[in-house]
C-alpha atoms as a PDB file:
ATOM      1  CA  UNK A   1      28.381 -27.284-134.481  1.00  0.00           C
ATOM      2  CA  UNK A   2      31.912 -27.047-135.883  1.00  0.00           C
ATOM      3  CA  UNK A   3      34.699 -27.579-133.384  1.00  0.00           C
ATOM      4  CA  UNK A   4      37.260 -24.781-133.332  1.00  0.00           C
ATOM      5  CA  UNK A   5      40.705 -26.359-132.916  1.00  0.00           C
ATOM      6  CA  UNK A   6      42.946 -25.310-130.086  1.00  0.00           C
ATOM      7  CA  UNK A   7      46.568 -24.413-130.618  1.00  0.00           C
ATOM      8  CA  UNK A   8      48.737 -21.425-131.388  1.00  0.00           C
ATOM      9  CA  UNK A   9      46.940 -18.841-133.513  1.00  0.00           C
ATOM     10  CA  UNK A  10      49.101 -17.944-136.518  1.00  0.00           C
ATOM     11  CA  UNK A  11      47.018 -14.922-137.584  1.00  0.00           C
ATOM     12  CA  UNK A  12      47.945 -11.362-136.691  1.00  0.00           C
ATOM     13  CA  UNK A  13      45.152  -9.458-134.890  1.00  0.00           C
ATOM     14  CA  UNK A  14      42.669 -12.320-135.119  1.00  0.00           C
ATOM     15  CA  UNK A  15      40.881 -10.734-132.155  1.00  0.00           C
ATOM     16  CA  UNK A  16      40.262  -7.490-134.115  1.00  0.00           C
ATOM     17  CA  UNK A  17      41.340  -5.506-131.061  1.00  0.00           C
ATOM     18  CA  UNK A  18      43.980  -3.467-132.921  1.00  0.00           C
ATOM     19  CA  UNK A  19      42.801  -0.716-135.256  1.00  0.00           C
ATOM     20  CA  UNK A  20      44.491   1.999-137.290  1.00  0.00           C
ATOM     21  CA  UNK A  21      41.739   4.547-137.692  1.00  0.00           C
ATOM     22  CA  UNK A  22      38.876   2.798-139.466  1.00  0.00           C
ATOM     23  CA  UNK A  23      40.980  -0.206-140.531  1.00  0.00           C
ATOM     24  CA  UNK A  24      41.629  -3.355-138.521  1.00  0.00           C
ATOM     25  CA  UNK A  25      45.383  -3.977-138.388  1.00  0.00           C
ATOM     26  CA  UNK A  26      46.467  -6.872-140.665  1.00  0.00           C
ATOM     27  CA  UNK A  27      43.034  -7.064-142.344  1.00  0.00           C
ATOM     28  CA  UNK A  28      41.255  -5.430-145.301  1.00  0.00           C
ATOM     29  CA  UNK A  29      43.724  -6.535-147.908  1.00  0.00           C
ATOM     30  CA  UNK A  30      45.476  -5.468-149.932  1.00  0.00           C
ATOM     31  CA  UNK A  31      44.879  -8.620-152.023  1.00  0.00           C
ATOM     32  CA  UNK A  32      41.334  -9.973-152.339  1.00  0.00           C
ATOM     33  CA  UNK A  33      39.578  -7.444-150.116  1.00  0.00           C
ATOM     34  CA  UNK A  34      36.536  -5.595-151.508  1.00  0.00           C
ATOM     35  CA  UNK A  35      34.054  -5.278-148.616  1.00  0.00           C
ATOM     36  CA  UNK A  36      33.138  -2.182-146.663  1.00  0.00           C
ATOM     37  CA  UNK A  37      34.086  -2.847-143.044  1.00  0.00           C
ATOM     38  CA  UNK A  38      33.752  -1.006-139.749  1.00  0.00           C
ATOM     39  CA  UNK A  39      34.587  -1.414-136.090  1.00  0.00           C
ATOM     40  CA  UNK A  40      31.892  -2.770-133.778  1.00  0.00           C
ATOM     41  CA  UNK A  41      31.769  -2.878-129.987  1.00  0.00           C
ATOM     42  CA  UNK A  42      29.525  -5.958-130.148  1.00  0.00           C
ATOM     43  CA  UNK A  43      32.365  -8.410-129.536  1.00  0.00           C
ATOM     44  CA  UNK A  44      32.537 -12.077-128.624  1.00  0.00           C
ATOM     45  CA  UNK A  45      35.717 -11.451-126.650  1.00  0.00           C
ATOM     46  CA  UNK A  46      37.629  -8.266-125.941  1.00  0.00           C
ATOM     47  CA  UNK A  47      36.278  -4.864-126.916  1.00  0.00           C
ATOM     48  CA  UNK A  48      35.807  -5.028-130.681  1.00  0.00           C
ATOM     49  CA  UNK A  49      34.722  -7.129-133.633  1.00  0.00           C
ATOM     50  CA  UNK A  50      34.609  -6.231-137.333  1.00  0.00           C
ATOM     51  CA  UNK A  51      31.384  -5.628-139.262  1.00  0.00           C
ATOM     52  CA  UNK A  52      31.435  -6.838-142.876  1.00  0.00           C
ATOM     53  CA  UNK A  53      28.841  -5.169-145.102  1.00  0.00           C
ATOM     54  CA  UNK A  54      27.235  -6.882-148.080  1.00  0.00           C
ATOM     55  CA  UNK A  55      25.313  -5.915-151.192  1.00  0.00           C
ATOM     56  CA  UNK A  56      22.541  -7.736-153.038  1.00  0.00           C
ATOM     57  CA  UNK A  57      24.172  -8.100-156.451  1.00  0.00           C
ATOM     58  CA  UNK A  58      27.782  -9.038-155.690  1.00  0.00           C
ATOM     59  CA  UNK A  59      29.827 -11.065-153.221  1.00  0.00           C
ATOM     60  CA  UNK A  60      31.929  -8.999-150.821  1.00  0.00           C
ATOM     61  CA  UNK A  61      35.069 -10.216-149.073  1.00  0.00           C
ATOM     62  CA  UNK A  62      36.967  -9.368-145.913  1.00  0.00           C
ATOM     63  CA  UNK A  63      40.551 -10.421-146.585  1.00  0.00           C
ATOM     64  CA  UNK A  64      43.526 -10.697-144.261  1.00  0.00           C
ATOM     65  CA  UNK A  65      47.056  -9.629-145.006  1.00  0.00           C
ATOM     66  CA  UNK A  66      48.900 -12.376-146.872  1.00  0.00           C
ATOM     67  CA  UNK A  67      51.012 -15.097-145.284  1.00  0.00           C
ATOM     68  CA  UNK A  68      53.552 -17.450-146.869  1.00  0.00           C
ATOM     69  CA  UNK A  69      52.644 -20.925-145.626  1.00  0.00           C
ATOM     70  CA  UNK A  70      54.630 -24.137-145.891  1.00  0.00           C
ATOM     71  CA  UNK A  71      53.008 -27.271-147.275  1.00  0.00           C
ATOM     72  CA  UNK A  72      50.627 -28.764-144.720  1.00  0.00           C
ATOM     73  CA  UNK A  73      47.059 -28.933-143.466  1.00  0.00           C
ATOM     74  CA  UNK A  74      45.562 -25.809-141.892  1.00  0.00           C
ATOM     75  CA  UNK A  75      42.335 -24.861-140.122  1.00  0.00           C
ATOM     76  CA  UNK A  76      40.958 -21.348-140.608  1.00  0.00           C
ATOM     77  CA  UNK A  77      38.154 -20.474-138.201  1.00  0.00           C
ATOM     78  CA  UNK A  78      36.112 -17.465-137.113  1.00  0.00           C
ATOM     79  CA  UNK A  79      33.133 -16.633-134.944  1.00  0.00           C
ATOM     80  CA  UNK A  80      30.312 -14.851-136.749  1.00  0.00           C
ATOM     81  CA  UNK A  81      27.035 -13.213-135.748  1.00  0.00           C
ATOM     82  CA  UNK A  82      24.220 -11.273-137.439  1.00  0.00           C
ATOM     83  CA  UNK A  83      24.618  -7.499-137.306  1.00  0.00           C
ATOM     84  CA  UNK A  84      21.002  -6.471-136.861  1.00  0.00           C
ATOM     85  CA  UNK A  85      17.699  -8.115-137.688  1.00  0.00           C
ATOM     86  CA  UNK A  86      18.680  -9.491-141.103  1.00  0.00           C
ATOM     87  CA  UNK A  87      21.028 -12.474-141.523  1.00  0.00           C
ATOM     88  CA  UNK A  88      23.952 -12.165-143.898  1.00  0.00           C
ATOM     89  CA  UNK A  89      25.360 -15.277-145.552  1.00  0.00           C
ATOM     90  CA  UNK A  90      28.954 -16.265-144.779  1.00  0.00           C
ATOM     91  CA  UNK A  91      31.520 -18.506-146.466  1.00  0.00           C
ATOM     92  CA  UNK A  92      35.204 -19.031-145.648  1.00  0.00           C
ATOM     93  CA  UNK A  93      38.128 -19.411-147.999  1.00  0.00           C
ATOM     94  CA  UNK A  94      41.528 -18.181-149.069  1.00  0.00           C
ATOM     95  CA  UNK A  95      43.122 -16.700-152.161  1.00  0.00           C
ATOM     96  CA  UNK A  96      46.592 -17.269-153.551  1.00  0.00           C
ATOM     97  CA  UNK A  97      48.703 -14.117-153.832  1.00  0.00           C
ATOM     98  CA  UNK A  98      51.515 -13.471-156.311  1.00  0.00           C
ATOM     99  CA  UNK A  99      53.459 -10.209-156.282  1.00  0.00           C
ATOM    100  CA  UNK A 100      50.675  -8.610-154.244  1.00  0.00           C
ATOM    101  CA  UNK A 101      47.927  -9.642-156.703  1.00  0.00           C
ATOM    102  CA  UNK A 102      45.061 -11.980-155.797  1.00  0.00           C
ATOM    103  CA  UNK A 103      44.856 -15.152-157.866  1.00  0.00           C
ATOM    104  CA  UNK A 104      42.566 -18.159-157.573  1.00  0.00           C
ATOM    105  CA  UNK A 105      40.007 -18.269-154.750  1.00  0.00           C
ATOM    106  CA  UNK A 106      39.385 -21.493-152.822  1.00  0.00           C
ATOM    107  CA  UNK A 107      36.292 -21.865-150.646  1.00  0.00           C
ATOM    108  CA  UNK A 108      34.909 -24.463-148.259  1.00  0.00           C
ATOM    109  CA  UNK A 109      32.785 -27.122-149.943  1.00  0.00           C
ATOM    110  CA  UNK A 110      29.596 -26.027-148.223  1.00  0.00           C
ATOM    111  CA  UNK A 111      27.696 -23.153-149.837  1.00  0.00           C
ATOM    112  CA  UNK A 112      27.321 -19.836-148.063  1.00  0.00           C
ATOM    113  CA  UNK A 113      24.822 -20.081-145.214  1.00  0.00           C
ATOM    114  CA  UNK A 114      22.977 -17.629-142.992  1.00  0.00           C
ATOM    115  CA  UNK A 115      24.601 -16.470-139.787  1.00  0.00           C
ATOM    116  CA  UNK A 116      22.671 -16.574-136.525  1.00  0.00           C
ATOM    117  CA  UNK A 117      21.692 -14.100-133.823  1.00  0.00           C
ATOM    118  CA  UNK A 118      24.314 -15.541-131.472  1.00  0.00           C
ATOM    119  CA  UNK A 119      28.053 -15.938-131.931  1.00  0.00           C
ATOM    120  CA  UNK A 120      28.745 -19.240-133.675  1.00  0.00           C
ATOM    121  CA  UNK A 121      31.924 -20.787-135.090  1.00  0.00           C
ATOM    122  CA  UNK A 122      32.710 -21.367-138.751  1.00  0.00           C
ATOM    123  CA  UNK A 123      35.586 -23.718-139.572  1.00  0.00           C
ATOM    124  CA  UNK A 124      37.414 -24.417-142.856  1.00  0.00           C
ATOM    125  CA  UNK A 125      40.177 -27.022-143.168  1.00  0.00           C
ATOM    126  CA  UNK A 126      42.402 -27.108-146.254  1.00  0.00           C
ATOM    127  CA  UNK A 127      45.693 -28.592-147.410  1.00  0.00           C
ATOM    128  CA  UNK A 128      48.541 -26.942-149.293  1.00  0.00           C
ATOM    129  CA  UNK A 129      50.808 -29.267-151.262  1.00  0.00           C
ATOM    130  CA  UNK A 130      53.588 -26.703-151.613  1.00  0.00           C
ATOM    131  CA  UNK A 131      54.696 -23.419-150.099  1.00  0.00           C
ATOM    132  CA  UNK A 132      52.069 -20.824-151.031  1.00  0.00           C
ATOM    133  CA  UNK A 133      51.362 -17.181-150.250  1.00  0.00           C
ATOM    134  CA  UNK A 134      47.704 -16.783-149.291  1.00  0.00           C
ATOM    135  CA  UNK A 135      45.268 -14.255-147.836  1.00  0.00           C
ATOM    136  CA  UNK A 136      42.309 -15.513-145.812  1.00  0.00           C
ATOM    137  CA  UNK A 137      38.828 -14.572-146.934  1.00  0.00           C
ATOM    138  CA  UNK A 138      35.482 -14.182-145.174  1.00  0.00           C
ATOM    139  CA  UNK A 139      32.842 -13.808-147.877  1.00  0.00           C
ATOM    140  CA  UNK A 140      29.562 -11.953-147.386  1.00  0.00           C
ATOM    141  CA  UNK A 141      27.563 -13.710-150.088  1.00  0.00           C
ATOM    142  CA  UNK A 142      25.054 -11.791-152.202  1.00  0.00           C
ATOM    143  CA  UNK A 143      22.272 -14.253-151.330  1.00  0.00           C
ATOM    144  CA  UNK A 144      22.101 -12.439-148.001  1.00  0.00           C
ATOM    145  CA  UNK A 145      20.630  -9.457-149.877  1.00  0.00           C
ATOM    146  CA  UNK A 146      23.129  -7.004-148.452  1.00  0.00           C
ATOM    147  CA  UNK A 147      22.777  -7.851-144.756  1.00  0.00           C
ATOM    148  CA  UNK A 148      25.993  -7.370-142.801  1.00  0.00           C
ATOM    149  CA  UNK A 149      27.494  -9.619-140.144  1.00  0.00           C
ATOM    150  CA  UNK A 150      30.091  -9.419-137.378  1.00  0.00           C
ATOM    151  CA  UNK A 151      33.340 -11.393-137.281  1.00  0.00           C
ATOM    152  CA  UNK A 152      35.537 -12.008-134.226  1.00  0.00           C
ATOM    153  CA  UNK A 153      38.224 -14.359-132.930  1.00  0.00           C
ATOM    154  CA  UNK A 154      39.670 -15.450-136.277  1.00  0.00           C
ATOM    155  CA  UNK A 155      42.384 -18.078-136.046  1.00  0.00           C
ATOM    156  CA  UNK A 156      44.683 -20.235-138.139  1.00  0.00           C
ATOM    157  CA  UNK A 157      46.112 -23.427-136.669  1.00  0.00           C
ATOM    158  CA  UNK A 158      48.110 -26.356-138.014  1.00  0.00           C
ATOM    159  CA  UNK A 159      49.744 -29.564-136.827  1.00  0.00           C
ATOM    160  CA  UNK A 160      52.190 -30.016-139.686  1.00  0.00           C
ATOM    161  CA  UNK A 161      52.584 -26.649-141.460  1.00  0.00           C
ATOM    162  CA  UNK A 162      54.121 -23.303-140.581  1.00  0.00           C
ATOM    163  CA  UNK A 163      54.404 -19.681-141.599  1.00  0.00           C
ATOM    164  CA  UNK A 164      57.450 -19.453-143.837  1.00  0.00           C
ATOM    165  CA  UNK A 165      57.665 -15.654-143.729  1.00  0.00           C
ATOM    166  CA  UNK A 166      57.183 -13.081-146.466  1.00  0.00           C
ATOM    167  CA  UNK A 167      53.682 -11.980-147.431  1.00  0.00           C
ATOM    168  CA  UNK A 168      52.927  -8.276-147.334  1.00  0.00           C
ATOM    169  CA  UNK A 169      54.570  -7.887-143.957  1.00  0.00           C
ATOM    170  CA  UNK A 170      58.266  -7.751-143.226  1.00  0.00           C
ATOM    171  CA  UNK A 171      59.540 -11.239-142.561  1.00  0.00           C
ATOM    172  CA  UNK A 172      61.117 -14.201-144.267  1.00  0.00           C
ATOM    173  CA  UNK A 173      64.149 -16.189-143.406  1.00  0.00           C
ATOM    174  CA  UNK A 174      66.751 -14.529-141.246  1.00  0.00           C
ATOM    175  CA  UNK A 175      70.166 -14.319-142.924  1.00  0.00           C
ATOM    176  CA  UNK A 176      72.637 -16.825-141.595  1.00  0.00           C
ATOM    177  CA  UNK A 177      75.217 -15.387-139.221  1.00  0.00           C
ATOM    178  CA  UNK A 178      78.670 -16.919-139.743  1.00  0.00           C
ATOM    179  CA  UNK A 179      79.925 -18.686-136.662  1.00  0.00           C
ATOM    180  CA  UNK A 180      83.472 -19.101-135.500  1.00  0.00           C
ATOM    181  CA  UNK A 181      83.415 -22.858-136.027  1.00  0.00           C
ATOM    182  CA  UNK A 182      82.286 -22.506-139.679  1.00  0.00           C
ATOM    183  CA  UNK A 183      84.879 -19.997-140.839  1.00  0.00           C
ATOM    184  CA  UNK A 184      88.475 -19.825-139.660  1.00  0.00           C
ATOM    185  CA  UNK A 185      89.279 -16.122-139.503  1.00  0.00           C
ATOM    186  CA  UNK A 186      92.682 -15.049-138.248  1.00  0.00           C
ATOM    187  CA  UNK A 187      92.792 -12.274-135.700  1.00  0.00           C
ATOM    188  CA  UNK A 188      94.669 -10.092-138.205  1.00  0.00           C
ATOM    189  CA  UNK A 189      92.005 -10.632-140.925  1.00  0.00           C
ATOM    190  CA  UNK A 190      89.209  -9.665-138.536  1.00  0.00           C
ATOM    191  CA  UNK A 191      90.955  -6.497-137.375  1.00  0.00           C
ATOM    192  CA  UNK A 192      91.919  -5.357-140.873  1.00  0.00           C
ATOM    193  CA  UNK A 193      88.673  -6.275-142.622  1.00  0.00           C
ATOM    194  CA  UNK A 194      90.404  -8.465-145.211  1.00  0.00           C
ATOM    195  CA  UNK A 195      87.655  -9.574-147.697  1.00  0.00           C
ATOM    196  CA  UNK A 196      88.650 -13.238-147.851  1.00  0.00           C
ATOM    197  CA  UNK A 197      88.609 -16.189-145.539  1.00  0.00           C
ATOM    198  CA  UNK A 198      90.334 -19.495-145.052  1.00  0.00           C
ATOM    199  CA  UNK A 199      87.893 -22.405-145.231  1.00  0.00           C
END
């Protein structure tokens, strides 16, 4: 059984408790997402999970919003469970995002495998060698013949990386605020708004 790492969860709405109508906040794209999803009250924790539908002739993906991550090693994990009698097949990964467009997909080494009737963890560890914008992907593989599954308690943890900002949410580096010890403004310059400074 994979061990889900402890630590601060870097994902927004990894619990799938927050919804905007029929969409889970911070999930379902826009880059890389192509699955039909719905809210479920069959939850591992809290009140809700997300159901990810599949089809028999194509892989379908639940994708998160994108995050700009610094170089480092990360662990993406979820809990997953069958949604009904049939077992869908799940695989974890991420996709690089450039200007809002999905690029190359990266998946865990193991092939997609059937989910179980009880909540069970899935864990994917990967390393980024440079700052990269990515969206996280939960694939419902076509080998599951269209069976759906439930996802809850998604998390992203790291010991040496960080979120650098950006992505398709407001963020990024805060602009530097000049401090009094860096710039020597005279009282007259400050009051009059003179557009120069003495360094």
